[in-house]
Amino acid sequence: MKIFVFGSSLVSSYWNGAATYYRGIYKNLAALGCEIIFAEPDIYKRQQNRDPGDYSYAKSLVYRTPDDIDWLLRLASDSDLVIKHSGIGAEDALLERRVLDCRSPRTRVAFWDVDAPATLSSVEAEPLNPFRACIPEYDFVFTYGGGPPIVQRYLQLGAKNCHPVYNALEPESHHPADPSSDFACDLVFVGNRLPDRERRVEQFFLRTAELAPECKFILGGEGWGNKELPPNVRWIGHVRTGDHNRVNCSARMVLNINRESMADVGFSPPTRVFEAAGAGACLITDHWKGIETFFEPGNEILVASSADEIVHLLRTTPPKKARAIGQAMRTHALRDHLYAQRAELAMSIFRSSAPQRERHELRQAV
């Protein structure tokens, strides 16, 4: 099966939180026999900040926007499936409309949303939003989070279907590593500074640092350089994906803070949850509906609804217990939350509604 993808970036995680998700999904779809072409625009200095790694499972096309879009669409029309991801960052509205022109008896088109709460909030608030008319035209709608609430909202907007394909663990990429004194701390949080995240970072991370002056904190991610931080917080800037294991294994605990829109809809574990799981790190997460769908609170993941509760967990969870919680989370992830399993789910959906003449090829691929 030949799949043509429009996404933000496969090769760079710079200002691109979806990179880990893309890599996990498409590496494992390739392992199932799919031919992947991934087209990404040359924007936001991502090509100058590529992550080391082997991305040969996909053919990467870096394009200029909007000059190269006509050529890319002609190339995509020769595929079995064309996928337009949300949040590419350049000409999104144009691509959302024009990828539909690739449809044919052979070629189907999917919209794969990596920020469904934001997408849907925009569409629902703007009756004339051009994407609203596109939704019923897609053969598939996929999301990387959101669960039943997001599925229902997409169906109400006329989607033919909506399939959550959640973040997961790629054990070859995220695994236990030797700790580094450079990243030693009591609690680490890594996330770029975004409008609907900053307030929650203040509430859950910076306030925790103020309440626990005896503890050391590390903040990773872009955009925090001019933010006033408590004296016990050290900002380390962009954390390349190759450093995630060392960072997660060097901290006593790792913090997950969902963006406000993701927390509101629930069922949205971000990539950092599974990256921490792969490293066997003890993770504290803010509370959101559906956590228990993925990991068992208290035994595999710690849940807090305020800075006071995070401070309590820091002060009352001894290192031995923290290690046991992290190991239990890793064991569960390796059993039930692998990208290989997510890719198999996606392939089963492709196969179930494939045109008759394609089904034989799809069966051979899996």
Foldseek 3Di string as FASTA:
>chain_A
DEEEEEAQDCFFCAVNQCNLVVQLQQLLLLVLPYAYEYEAECDPCRVVHGFDDDPVSYHYHYDHPPVCVVVSLVVRLVGQEYEYEPDNPGCNVVCLPPNLVSDDLRYFYEYEYAQLLVVLVVCVVDVVPSNLVSQLSHPEYEYQFQPPVSQVSSVVSNHPGYYHLHAAADLVQAAADDADPVQAWAEEEEDADDPQQVVVCVWAPQVLCVVCVVTAYEYEEPDCPPPDGPPRYHYDYHDRSNCLNNNQNRYLEYEDEDGPSDQASFRHDGNNLNSSLRNLFAYEYEDGPPPVVQPDDPQQHDYDPTSVVVNVCSVPQDSVSRSRNSPVSNVSRVVPGGSSVSNVVVLVVCLVPRPPVCNVVSVSSD
